[in-house]
């Protein structure tokens, strides 16, 4: 049966751990370099996701990426030279909710 035959992808190889890590680091560095007042919030592991770090700019724009563990997230934020917080202790800043609301309204206006 052909269902279980292994196929090799020649044009689109799967990303390696190293290339995925490098892409994540590049994205986070770019976010910090192109936004003002970025802060990092370390999010704990859950049943659904592993540990993540959420970067939040002054205007509330945010990005989230997975990291291996909280120590890596804390070290990464320190290497980037930005403040870092444990989201379980501080919660998310109000500006994140405000930014999400503005984005939702803008999407609704574009769809009409």
PDB file of N, CA and C in Angstrom:
ATOM      1  N   UNK A   1       0.827  -1.174   0.000  1.00  0.00           N
ATOM      2  CA  UNK A   1       0.000   0.000   0.000  1.00  0.00           C
ATOM      3  C   UNK A   1       0.878   1.248   0.000  1.00  0.00           C
ATOM      4  N   UNK A   2       0.491   2.238  -0.763  1.00  0.00           N
ATOM      5  CA  UNK A   2       1.297   3.445  -0.917  1.00  0.00           C
ATOM      6  C   UNK A   2       1.109   4.455   0.199  1.00  0.00           C
ATOM      7  N   UNK A   3       0.143   4.246   1.054  1.00  0.00           N
ATOM      8  CA  UNK A   3      -0.123   5.231   2.101  1.00  0.00           C
ATOM      9  C   UNK A   3       1.038   5.427   3.053  1.00  0.00           C
ATOM     10  N   UNK A   4       1.752   4.379   3.319  1.00  0.00           N
ATOM     11  CA  UNK A   4       2.791   4.447   4.341  1.00  0.00           C
ATOM     12  C   UNK A   4       4.188   4.626   3.754  1.00  0.00           C
ATOM     13  N   UNK A   5       4.258   4.856   2.475  1.00  0.00           N
ATOM     14  CA  UNK A   5       5.544   5.078   1.852  1.00  0.00           C
ATOM     15  C   UNK A   5       6.114   6.415   2.309  1.00  0.00           C
ATOM     16  N   UNK A   6       7.360   6.430   2.620  1.00  0.00           N
ATOM     17  CA  UNK A   6       7.992   7.684   3.034  1.00  0.00           C
ATOM     18  C   UNK A   6       8.376   8.481   1.814  1.00  0.00           C
ATOM     19  N   UNK A   7       8.050   9.739   1.868  1.00  0.00           N
ATOM     20  CA  UNK A   7       8.386  10.625   0.767  1.00  0.00           C
ATOM     21  C   UNK A   7       9.410  11.634   1.242  1.00  0.00           C
ATOM     22  N   UNK A   8      10.337  11.913   0.397  1.00  0.00           N
ATOM     23  CA  UNK A   8      11.347  12.915   0.731  1.00  0.00           C
ATOM     24  C   UNK A   8      10.977  14.224   0.064  1.00  0.00           C
ATOM     25  N   UNK A   9      11.096  15.243   0.834  1.00  0.00           N
ATOM     26  CA  UNK A   9      10.870  16.579   0.280  1.00  0.00           C
ATOM     27  C   UNK A   9      12.206  17.108  -0.200  1.00  0.00           C
ATOM     28  N   UNK A  10      12.280  17.404  -1.431  1.00  0.00           N
ATOM     29  CA  UNK A  10      13.536  17.933  -1.950  1.00  0.00           C
ATOM     30  C   UNK A  10      13.520  19.455  -2.025  1.00  0.00           C
ATOM     31  N   UNK A  11      12.329  20.031  -2.218  1.00  0.00           N
ATOM     32  CA  UNK A  11      12.275  21.476  -2.397  1.00  0.00           C
ATOM     33  C   UNK A  11      12.030  22.237  -1.091  1.00  0.00           C
ATOM     34  N   UNK A  12      11.472  21.578  -0.080  1.00  0.00           N
ATOM     35  CA  UNK A  12      11.115  22.267   1.160  1.00  0.00           C
ATOM     36  C   UNK A  12      11.541  21.426   2.369  1.00  0.00           C
ATOM     37  N   UNK A  13      12.818  21.467   2.719  1.00  0.00           N
ATOM     38  CA  UNK A  13      13.250  20.643   3.851  1.00  0.00           C
ATOM     39  C   UNK A  13      12.688  21.170   5.168  1.00  0.00           C
ATOM     40  N   UNK A  14      12.482  20.256   6.098  1.00  0.00           N
ATOM     41  CA  UNK A  14      11.985  20.644   7.419  1.00  0.00           C
ATOM     42  C   UNK A  14      13.050  21.462   8.141  1.00  0.00           C
ATOM     43  N   UNK A  15      12.624  22.473   8.899  1.00  0.00           N
ATOM     44  CA  UNK A  15      13.619  23.289   9.607  1.00  0.00           C
ATOM     45  C   UNK A  15      14.290  22.484  10.712  1.00  0.00           C
ATOM     46  N   UNK A  16      15.559  22.734  10.885  1.00  0.00           N
ATOM     47  CA  UNK A  16      16.288  22.079  11.966  1.00  0.00           C
ATOM     48  C   UNK A  16      16.064  22.867  13.251  1.00  0.00           C
ATOM     49  N   UNK A  17      16.392  22.251  14.370  1.00  0.00           N
ATOM     50  CA  UNK A  17      16.262  22.957  15.644  1.00  0.00           C
ATOM     51  C   UNK A  17      17.090  24.228  15.647  1.00  0.00           C
ATOM     52  N   UNK A  18      18.278  24.142  15.095  1.00  0.00           N
ATOM     53  CA  UNK A  18      19.157  25.308  15.074  1.00  0.00           C
ATOM     54  C   UNK A  18      18.589  26.428  14.207  1.00  0.00           C
ATOM     55  N   UNK A  19      18.059  26.084  13.042  1.00  0.00           N
ATOM     56  CA  UNK A  19      17.516  27.129  12.174  1.00  0.00           C
ATOM     57  C   UNK A  19      16.248  27.732  12.782  1.00  0.00           C
ATOM     58  N   UNK A  20      15.445  26.918  13.456  1.00  0.00           N
ATOM     59  CA  UNK A  20      14.252  27.444  14.127  1.00  0.00           C
ATOM     60  C   UNK A  20      14.649  28.370  15.269  1.00  0.00           C
ATOM     61  N   UNK A  21      15.658  27.985  16.016  1.00  0.00           N
ATOM     62  CA  UNK A  21      16.137  28.832  17.118  1.00  0.00           C
ATOM     63  C   UNK A  21      16.690  30.142  16.582  1.00  0.00           C
ATOM     64  N   UNK A  22      17.472  30.073  15.512  1.00  0.00           N
ATOM     65  CA  UNK A  22      18.037  31.284  14.920  1.00  0.00           C
ATOM     66  C   UNK A  22      16.937  32.206  14.395  1.00  0.00           C
ATOM     67  N   UNK A  23      15.895  31.631  13.800  1.00  0.00           N
ATOM     68  CA  UNK A  23      14.781  32.437  13.291  1.00  0.00           C
ATOM     69  C   UNK A  23      14.040  33.111  14.445  1.00  0.00           C
ATOM     70  N   UNK A  24      13.848  32.391  15.538  1.00  0.00           N
ATOM     71  CA  UNK A  24      13.185  32.968  16.714  1.00  0.00           C
ATOM     72  C   UNK A  24      14.004  34.113  17.287  1.00  0.00           C
ATOM     73  N   UNK A  25      15.287  33.895  17.453  1.00  0.00           N
ATOM     74  CA  UNK A  25      16.157  34.955  17.983  1.00  0.00           C
ATOM     75  C   UNK A  25      16.166  36.169  17.071  1.00  0.00           C
ATOM     76  N   UNK A  26      16.216  35.944  15.768  1.00  0.00           N
ATOM     77  CA  UNK A  26      16.209  37.066  14.824  1.00  0.00           C
ATOM     78  C   UNK A  26      14.905  37.848  14.925  1.00  0.00           C
ATOM     79  N   UNK A  27      13.783  37.146  15.049  1.00  0.00           N
ATOM     80  CA  UNK A  27      12.485  37.814  15.169  1.00  0.00           C
ATOM     81  C   UNK A  27      12.424  38.658  16.442  1.00  0.00           C
ATOM     82  N   UNK A  28      12.858  38.094  17.558  1.00  0.00           N
ATOM     83  CA  UNK A  28      12.798  38.822  18.827  1.00  0.00           C
ATOM     84  C   UNK A  28      13.740  40.022  18.812  1.00  0.00           C
ATOM     85  N   UNK A  29      14.933  39.856  18.272  1.00  0.00           N
ATOM     86  CA  UNK A  29      15.875  40.979  18.182  1.00  0.00           C
ATOM     87  C   UNK A  29      15.311  42.091  17.297  1.00  0.00           C
ATOM     88  N   UNK A  30      14.699  41.710  16.187  1.00  0.00           N
ATOM     89  CA  UNK A  30      14.101  42.696  15.292  1.00  0.00           C
ATOM     90  C   UNK A  30      12.959  43.437  15.978  1.00  0.00           C
ATOM     91  N   UNK A  31      12.134  42.707  16.726  1.00  0.00           N
ATOM     92  CA  UNK A  31      11.027  43.337  17.439  1.00  0.00           C
ATOM     93  C   UNK A  31      11.557  44.377  18.424  1.00  0.00           C
ATOM     94  N   UNK A  32      12.596  44.025  19.166  1.00  0.00           N
ATOM     95  CA  UNK A  32      13.170  44.952  20.152  1.00  0.00           C
ATOM     96  C   UNK A  32      13.803  46.155  19.452  1.00  0.00           C
ATOM     97  N   UNK A  33      14.466  45.913  18.329  1.00  0.00           N
ATOM     98  CA  UNK A  33      15.161  46.993  17.626  1.00  0.00           C
ATOM     99  C   UNK A  33      14.205  47.961  16.938  1.00  0.00           C
ATOM    100  N   UNK A  34      13.009  47.507  16.573  1.00  0.00           N
ATOM    101  CA  UNK A  34      12.112  48.348  15.787  1.00  0.00           C
ATOM    102  C   UNK A  34      10.930  48.899  16.584  1.00  0.00           C
ATOM    103  N   UNK A  35      10.869  48.612  17.872  1.00  0.00           N
ATOM    104  CA  UNK A  35       9.792  49.136  18.727  1.00  0.00           C
ATOM    105  C   UNK A  35      10.386  49.892  19.904  1.00  0.00           C
ATOM    106  N   UNK A  36       9.563  50.731  20.523  1.00  0.00           N
ATOM    107  CA  UNK A  36       9.997  51.542  21.659  1.00  0.00           C
ATOM    108  C   UNK A  36       9.501  50.908  22.954  1.00  0.00           C
ATOM    109  N   UNK A  37      10.355  50.908  23.979  1.00  0.00           N
ATOM    110  CA  UNK A  37       9.956  50.504  25.323  1.00  0.00           C
ATOM    111  C   UNK A  37       9.525  49.061  25.465  1.00  0.00           C
ATOM    112  N   UNK A  38      10.218  48.141  24.817  1.00  0.00           N
ATOM    113  CA  UNK A  38       9.830  46.729  24.845  1.00  0.00           C
ATOM    114  C   UNK A  38      10.168  46.112  26.193  1.00  0.00           C
ATOM    115  N   UNK A  39       9.232  45.306  26.700  1.00  0.00           N
ATOM    116  CA  UNK A  39       9.410  44.547  27.936  1.00  0.00           C
ATOM    117  C   UNK A  39       9.098  43.087  27.642  1.00  0.00           C
ATOM    118  N   UNK A  40       9.714  42.181  28.405  1.00  0.00           N
ATOM    119  CA  UNK A  40       9.493  40.749  28.225  1.00  0.00           C
ATOM    120  C   UNK A  40       8.667  40.207  29.387  1.00  0.00           C
ATOM    121  N   UNK A  41       7.723  39.338  29.060  1.00  0.00           N
ATOM    122  CA  UNK A  41       6.898  38.656  30.057  1.00  0.00           C
ATOM    123  C   UNK A  41       7.058  37.157  29.844  1.00  0.00           C
ATOM    124  N   UNK A  42       7.558  36.473  30.860  1.00  0.00           N
ATOM    125  CA  UNK A  42       7.781  35.029  30.771  1.00  0.00           C
ATOM    126  C   UNK A  42       6.503  34.321  31.186  1.00  0.00           C
ATOM    127  N   UNK A  43       5.991  33.480  30.278  1.00  0.00           N
ATOM    128  CA  UNK A  43       4.751  32.754  30.521  1.00  0.00           C
ATOM    129  C   UNK A  43       5.076  31.304  30.857  1.00  0.00           C
ATOM    130  N   UNK A  44       4.395  30.726  31.834  1.00  0.00           N
ATOM    131  CA  UNK A  44       4.731  29.375  32.286  1.00  0.00           C
ATOM    132  C   UNK A  44       4.268  28.297  31.305  1.00  0.00           C
ATOM    133  N   UNK A  45       4.817  27.126  31.487  1.00  0.00           N
ATOM    134  CA  UNK A  45       4.394  25.966  30.712  1.00  0.00           C
ATOM    135  C   UNK A  45       2.968  25.594  31.121  1.00  0.00           C
ATOM    136  N   UNK A  46       2.164  25.158  30.151  1.00  0.00           N
ATOM    137  CA  UNK A  46       0.797  24.710  30.420  1.00  0.00           C
ATOM    138  C   UNK A  46       0.619  23.314  29.825  1.00  0.00           C
ATOM    139  N   UNK A  47      -0.580  22.773  29.946  1.00  0.00           N
ATOM    140  CA  UNK A  47      -0.852  21.475  29.328  1.00  0.00           C
ATOM    141  C   UNK A  47      -0.830  21.553  27.812  1.00  0.00           C
ATOM    142  N   UNK A  48      -1.023  22.746  27.285  1.00  0.00           N
ATOM    143  CA  UNK A  48      -1.122  22.927  25.841  1.00  0.00           C
ATOM    144  C   UNK A  48       0.160  23.468  25.225  1.00  0.00           C
ATOM    145  N   UNK A  49       0.853  24.362  25.924  1.00  0.00           N
ATOM    146  CA  UNK A  49       2.048  24.998  25.362  1.00  0.00           C
ATOM    147  C   UNK A  49       3.227  24.860  26.307  1.00  0.00           C
ATOM    148  N   UNK A  50       4.397  24.979  25.717  1.00  0.00           N
ATOM    149  CA  UNK A  50       5.590  25.020  26.551  1.00  0.00           C
ATOM    150  C   UNK A  50       5.832  26.464  26.989  1.00  0.00           C
ATOM    151  N   UNK A  51       6.895  26.714  27.694  1.00  0.00           N
ATOM    152  CA  UNK A  51       7.210  28.055  28.172  1.00  0.00           C
ATOM    153  C   UNK A  51       7.333  29.002  26.978  1.00  0.00           C
ATOM    154  N   UNK A  52       6.772  30.207  27.137  1.00  0.00           N
ATOM    155  CA  UNK A  52       6.860  31.208  26.084  1.00  0.00           C
ATOM    156  C   UNK A  52       7.325  32.535  26.672  1.00  0.00           C
ATOM    157  N   UNK A  53       7.851  33.378  25.801  1.00  0.00           N
ATOM    158  CA  UNK A  53       8.201  34.734  26.188  1.00  0.00           C
ATOM    159  C   UNK A  53       7.388  35.660  25.294  1.00  0.00           C
ATOM    160  N   UNK A  54       6.761  36.639  25.933  1.00  0.00           N
ATOM    161  CA  UNK A  54       5.936  37.610  25.216  1.00  0.00           C
ATOM    162  C   UNK A  54       6.616  38.969  25.327  1.00  0.00           C
ATOM    163  N   UNK A  55       6.929  39.563  24.182  1.00  0.00           N
ATOM    164  CA  UNK A  55       7.516  40.898  24.164  1.00  0.00           C
ATOM    165  C   UNK A  55       6.414  41.900  23.898  1.00  0.00           C
ATOM    166  N   UNK A  56       6.381  42.961  24.711  1.00  0.00           N
ATOM    167  CA  UNK A  56       5.327  43.968  24.614  1.00  0.00           C
ATOM    168  C   UNK A  56       5.976  45.345  24.455  1.00  0.00           C
ATOM    169  N   UNK A  57       5.556  46.070  23.414  1.00  0.00           N
ATOM    170  CA  UNK A  57       6.056  47.427  23.177  1.00  0.00           C
ATOM    171  C   UNK A  57       5.208  48.437  23.947  1.00  0.00           C
ATOM    172  N   UNK A  58       5.640  49.676  23.960  1.00  0.00           N
ATOM    173  CA  UNK A  58       4.948  50.735  24.685  1.00  0.00           C
ATOM    174  C   UNK A  58       3.518  50.934  24.205  1.00  0.00           C
ATOM    175  N   UNK A  59       3.292  50.785  22.896  1.00  0.00           N
ATOM    176  CA  UNK A  59       1.943  50.983  22.364  1.00  0.00           C
ATOM    177  C   UNK A  59       1.046  49.761  22.544  1.00  0.00           C
ATOM    178  N   UNK A  60       1.586  48.664  23.097  1.00  0.00           N
ATOM    179  CA  UNK A  60       0.795  47.467  23.346  1.00  0.00           C
ATOM    180  C   UNK A  60       0.983  46.384  22.311  1.00  0.00           C
ATOM    181  N   UNK A  61       1.657  46.698  21.208  1.00  0.00           N
ATOM    182  CA  UNK A  61       1.925  45.661  20.208  1.00  0.00           C
ATOM    183  C   UNK A  61       2.766  44.570  20.860  1.00  0.00           C
ATOM    184  N   UNK A  62       2.490  43.331  20.507  1.00  0.00           N
ATOM    185  CA  UNK A  62       3.186  42.239  21.169  1.00  0.00           C
ATOM    186  C   UNK A  62       3.507  41.111  20.197  1.00  0.00           C
ATOM    187  N   UNK A  63       4.449  40.277  20.615  1.00  0.00           N
ATOM    188  CA  UNK A  63       4.788  39.060  19.899  1.00  0.00           C
ATOM    189  C   UNK A  63       5.122  37.998  20.929  1.00  0.00           C
ATOM    190  N   UNK A  64       4.885  36.748  20.572  1.00  0.00           N
ATOM    191  CA  UNK A  64       5.111  35.638  21.510  1.00  0.00           C
ATOM    192  C   UNK A  64       5.863  34.534  20.787  1.00  0.00           C
ATOM    193  N   UNK A  65       6.846  33.954  21.468  1.00  0.00           N
ATOM    194  CA  UNK A  65       7.605  32.838  20.916  1.00  0.00           C
ATOM    195  C   UNK A  65       7.879  31.815  22.009  1.00  0.00           C
ATOM    196  N   UNK A  66       7.953  30.555  21.593  1.00  0.00           N
ATOM    197  CA  UNK A  66       8.291  29.474  22.525  1.00  0.00           C
ATOM    198  C   UNK A  66       9.776  29.510  22.860  1.00  0.00           C
ATOM    199  N   UNK A  67      10.077  29.120  24.079  1.00  0.00           N
ATOM    200  CA  UNK A  67      11.456  28.985  24.538  1.00  0.00           C
ATOM    201  C   UNK A  67      11.573  27.674  25.301  1.00  0.00           C
ATOM    202  N   UNK A  68      12.778  27.127  25.412  1.00  0.00           N
ATOM    203  CA  UNK A  68      12.923  25.829  26.091  1.00  0.00           C
ATOM    204  C   UNK A  68      12.511  25.823  27.557  1.00  0.00           C
ATOM    205  N   UNK A  69      12.854  26.891  28.274  1.00  0.00           N
ATOM    206  CA  UNK A  69      12.502  26.954  29.697  1.00  0.00           C
ATOM    207  C   UNK A  69      12.573  28.402  30.174  1.00  0.00           C
ATOM    208  N   UNK A  70      12.062  28.683  31.389  1.00  0.00           N
ATOM    209  CA  UNK A  70      12.051  30.070  31.880  1.00  0.00           C
ATOM    210  C   UNK A  70      13.433  30.706  31.974  1.00  0.00           C
ATOM    211  N   UNK A  71      14.437  29.932  32.344  1.00  0.00           N
ATOM    212  CA  UNK A  71      15.789  30.489  32.472  1.00  0.00           C
ATOM    213  C   UNK A  71      16.271  31.056  31.133  1.00  0.00           C
ATOM    214  N   UNK A  72      16.001  30.341  30.058  1.00  0.00           N
ATOM    215  CA  UNK A  72      16.382  30.823  28.726  1.00  0.00           C
ATOM    216  C   UNK A  72      15.674  32.139  28.418  1.00  0.00           C
ATOM    217  N   UNK A  73      14.403  32.238  28.764  1.00  0.00           N
ATOM    218  CA  UNK A  73      13.645  33.470  28.520  1.00  0.00           C
ATOM    219  C   UNK A  73      14.232  34.635  29.304  1.00  0.00           C
ATOM    220  N   UNK A  74      14.538  34.408  30.573  1.00  0.00           N
ATOM    221  CA  UNK A  74      15.127  35.464  31.398  1.00  0.00           C
ATOM    222  C   UNK A  74      16.491  35.878  30.852  1.00  0.00           C
ATOM    223  N   UNK A  75      17.315  34.909  30.486  1.00  0.00           N
ATOM    224  CA  UNK A  75      18.640  35.218  29.938  1.00  0.00           C
ATOM    225  C   UNK A  75      18.531  35.966  28.612  1.00  0.00           C
ATOM    226  N   UNK A  76      17.583  35.565  27.780  1.00  0.00           N
ATOM    227  CA  UNK A  76      17.383  36.231  26.498  1.00  0.00           C
ATOM    228  C   UNK A  76      16.995  37.688  26.691  1.00  0.00           C
ATOM    229  N   UNK A  77      16.067  37.951  27.601  1.00  0.00           N
ATOM    230  CA  UNK A  77      15.642  39.326  27.859  1.00  0.00           C
ATOM    231  C   UNK A  77      16.802  40.161  28.384  1.00  0.00           C
ATOM    232  N   UNK A  78      17.581  39.590  29.253  1.00  0.00           N
ATOM    233  CA  UNK A  78      18.751  40.330  29.768  1.00  0.00           C
ATOM    234  C   UNK A  78      19.762  40.601  28.659  1.00  0.00           C
ATOM    235  N   UNK A  79      19.969  39.619  27.763  1.00  0.00           N
ATOM    236  CA  UNK A  79      20.881  39.821  26.640  1.00  0.00           C
ATOM    237  C   UNK A  79      20.375  40.916  25.699  1.00  0.00           C
ATOM    238  N   UNK A  80      19.053  41.006  25.548  1.00  0.00           N
ATOM    239  CA  UNK A  80      18.468  42.042  24.701  1.00  0.00           C
ATOM    240  C   UNK A  80      18.435  43.401  25.398  1.00  0.00           C
ATOM    241  N   UNK A  81      18.701  43.414  26.698  1.00  0.00           N
ATOM    242  CA  UNK A  81      18.736  44.667  27.450  1.00  0.00           C
ATOM    243  C   UNK A  81      17.362  45.234  27.740  1.00  0.00           C
ATOM    244  N   UNK A  82      16.383  44.370  27.947  1.00  0.00           N
ATOM    245  CA  UNK A  82      15.023  44.831  28.217  1.00  0.00           C
ATOM    246  C   UNK A  82      14.562  44.298  29.569  1.00  0.00           C
ATOM    247  N   UNK A  83      13.625  44.997  30.213  1.00  0.00           N
ATOM    248  CA  UNK A  83      13.088  44.511  31.483  1.00  0.00           C
ATOM    249  C   UNK A  83      12.348  43.193  31.277  1.00  0.00           C
ATOM    250  N   UNK A  84      12.401  42.336  32.278  1.00  0.00           N
ATOM    251  CA  UNK A  84      11.740  41.036  32.175  1.00  0.00           C
ATOM    252  C   UNK A  84      10.915  40.792  33.428  1.00  0.00           C
ATOM    253  N   UNK A  85       9.694  40.242  33.239  1.00  0.00           N
ATOM    254  CA  UNK A  85       8.771  40.007  34.342  1.00  0.00           C
ATOM    255  C   UNK A  85       8.203  38.593  34.260  1.00  0.00           C
ATOM    256  N   UNK A  86       7.819  38.063  35.394  1.00  0.00           N
ATOM    257  CA  UNK A  86       7.100  36.799  35.459  1.00  0.00           C
ATOM    258  C   UNK A  86       5.613  37.130  35.374  1.00  0.00           C
ATOM    259  N   UNK A  87       4.952  36.685  34.308  1.00  0.00           N
ATOM    260  CA  UNK A  87       3.558  37.070  34.084  1.00  0.00           C
ATOM    261  C   UNK A  87       2.637  36.534  35.185  1.00  0.00           C
ATOM    262  N   UNK A  88       3.030  35.472  35.858  1.00  0.00           N
ATOM    263  CA  UNK A  88       2.196  34.952  36.949  1.00  0.00           C
ATOM    264  C   UNK A  88       2.198  35.899  38.150  1.00  0.00           C
ATOM    265  N   UNK A  89       3.228  36.696  38.269  1.00  0.00           N
ATOM    266  CA  UNK A  89       3.304  37.644  39.387  1.00  0.00           C
ATOM    267  C   UNK A  89       2.771  39.019  39.030  1.00  0.00           C
ATOM    268  N   UNK A  90       3.034  39.451  37.788  1.00  0.00           N
ATOM    269  CA  UNK A  90       2.670  40.820  37.412  1.00  0.00           C
ATOM    270  C   UNK A  90       1.398  40.908  36.583  1.00  0.00           C
ATOM    271  N   UNK A  91       1.046  39.840  35.891  1.00  0.00           N
ATOM    272  CA  UNK A  91      -0.069  39.906  34.954  1.00  0.00           C
ATOM    273  C   UNK A  91       0.369  40.612  33.688  1.00  0.00           C
ATOM    274  N   UNK A  92      -0.555  40.697  32.728  1.00  0.00           N
ATOM    275  CA  UNK A  92      -0.269  41.389  31.475  1.00  0.00           C
ATOM    276  C   UNK A  92      -0.602  42.866  31.631  1.00  0.00           C
ATOM    277  N   UNK A  93       0.154  43.733  30.981  1.00  0.00           N
ATOM    278  CA  UNK A  93      -0.160  45.168  31.074  1.00  0.00           C
ATOM    279  C   UNK A  93      -1.452  45.499  30.316  1.00  0.00           C
ATOM    280  N   UNK A  94      -2.153  46.507  30.775  1.00  0.00           N
ATOM    281  CA  UNK A  94      -3.412  46.928  30.164  1.00  0.00           C
ATOM    282  C   UNK A  94      -3.219  47.312  28.701  1.00  0.00           C
ATOM    283  N   UNK A  95      -2.061  47.820  28.350  1.00  0.00           N
ATOM    284  CA  UNK A  95      -1.835  48.264  26.974  1.00  0.00           C
ATOM    285  C   UNK A  95      -1.934  47.114  25.971  1.00  0.00           C
ATOM    286  N   UNK A  96      -1.697  45.876  26.404  1.00  0.00           N
ATOM    287  CA  UNK A  96      -1.863  44.723  25.514  1.00  0.00           C
ATOM    288  C   UNK A  96      -3.340  44.539  25.171  1.00  0.00           C
ATOM    289  N   UNK A  97      -4.194  44.598  26.164  1.00  0.00           N
ATOM    290  CA  UNK A  97      -5.635  44.465  25.925  1.00  0.00           C
ATOM    291  C   UNK A  97      -6.153  45.620  25.064  1.00  0.00           C
ATOM    292  N   UNK A  98      -5.639  46.827  25.311  1.00  0.00           N
ATOM    293  CA  UNK A  98      -6.051  47.980  24.514  1.00  0.00           C
ATOM    294  C   UNK A  98      -5.642  47.806  23.053  1.00  0.00           C
ATOM    295  N   UNK A  99      -4.416  47.339  22.819  1.00  0.00           N
ATOM    296  CA  UNK A  99      -3.923  47.126  21.456  1.00  0.00           C
ATOM    297  C   UNK A  99      -4.754  46.055  20.759  1.00  0.00           C
ATOM    298  N   UNK A 100      -5.061  44.960  21.471  1.00  0.00           N
ATOM    299  CA  UNK A 100      -5.886  43.898  20.889  1.00  0.00           C
ATOM    300  C   UNK A 100      -7.267  44.420  20.508  1.00  0.00           C
ATOM    301  N   UNK A 101      -7.840  45.257  21.354  1.00  0.00           N
ATOM    302  CA  UNK A 101      -9.155  45.845  21.058  1.00  0.00           C
ATOM    303  C   UNK A 101      -9.093  46.734  19.819  1.00  0.00           C
ATOM    304  N   UNK A 102      -8.048  47.564  19.725  1.00  0.00           N
ATOM    305  CA  UNK A 102      -7.902  48.432  18.545  1.00  0.00           C
ATOM    306  C   UNK A 102      -7.748  47.596  17.273  1.00  0.00           C
ATOM    307  N   UNK A 103      -6.996  46.503  17.338  1.00  0.00           N
ATOM    308  CA  UNK A 103      -6.807  45.639  16.173  1.00  0.00           C
ATOM    309  C   UNK A 103      -8.108  44.960  15.769  1.00  0.00           C
ATOM    310  N   UNK A 104      -8.887  44.522  16.744  1.00  0.00           N
ATOM    311  CA  UNK A 104     -10.171  43.873  16.470  1.00  0.00           C
ATOM    312  C   UNK A 104     -11.125  44.858  15.777  1.00  0.00           C
ATOM    313  N   UNK A 105     -11.175  46.088  16.271  1.00  0.00           N
ATOM    314  CA  UNK A 105     -12.028  47.111  15.665  1.00  0.00           C
ATOM    315  C   UNK A 105     -11.575  47.399  14.234  1.00  0.00           C
ATOM    316  N   UNK A 106     -10.279  47.508  14.012  1.00  0.00           N
ATOM    317  CA  UNK A 106      -9.752  47.778  12.666  1.00  0.00           C
ATOM    318  C   UNK A 106     -10.095  46.631  11.718  1.00  0.00           C
ATOM    319  N   UNK A 107      -9.994  45.380  12.168  1.00  0.00           N
ATOM    320  CA  UNK A 107     -10.361  44.232  11.327  1.00  0.00           C
ATOM    321  C   UNK A 107     -11.839  44.266  10.966  1.00  0.00           C
ATOM    322  N   UNK A 108     -12.682  44.620  11.933  1.00  0.00           N
ATOM    323  CA  UNK A 108     -14.119  44.676  11.685  1.00  0.00           C
ATOM    324  C   UNK A 108     -14.455  45.764  10.671  1.00  0.00           C
ATOM    325  N   UNK A 109     -13.769  46.877  10.752  1.00  0.00           N
ATOM    326  CA  UNK A 109     -14.017  47.974   9.820  1.00  0.00           C
ATOM    327  C   UNK A 109     -13.570  47.603   8.398  1.00  0.00           C
ATOM    328  N   UNK A 110     -12.469  46.872   8.293  1.00  0.00           N
ATOM    329  CA  UNK A 110     -11.983  46.464   6.975  1.00  0.00           C
ATOM    330  C   UNK A 110     -12.906  45.429   6.328  1.00  0.00           C
ATOM    331  N   UNK A 111     -13.557  44.610   7.143  1.00  0.00           N
ATOM    332  CA  UNK A 111     -14.402  43.544   6.592  1.00  0.00           C
ATOM    333  C   UNK A 111     -15.783  44.044   6.160  1.00  0.00           C
ATOM    334  N   UNK A 112     -16.125  45.241   6.549  1.00  0.00           N
ATOM    335  CA  UNK A 112     -17.456  45.777   6.184  1.00  0.00           C
ATOM    336  C   UNK A 112     -17.422  46.408   4.836  1.00  0.00           C
TER     337      UNK A 112
END
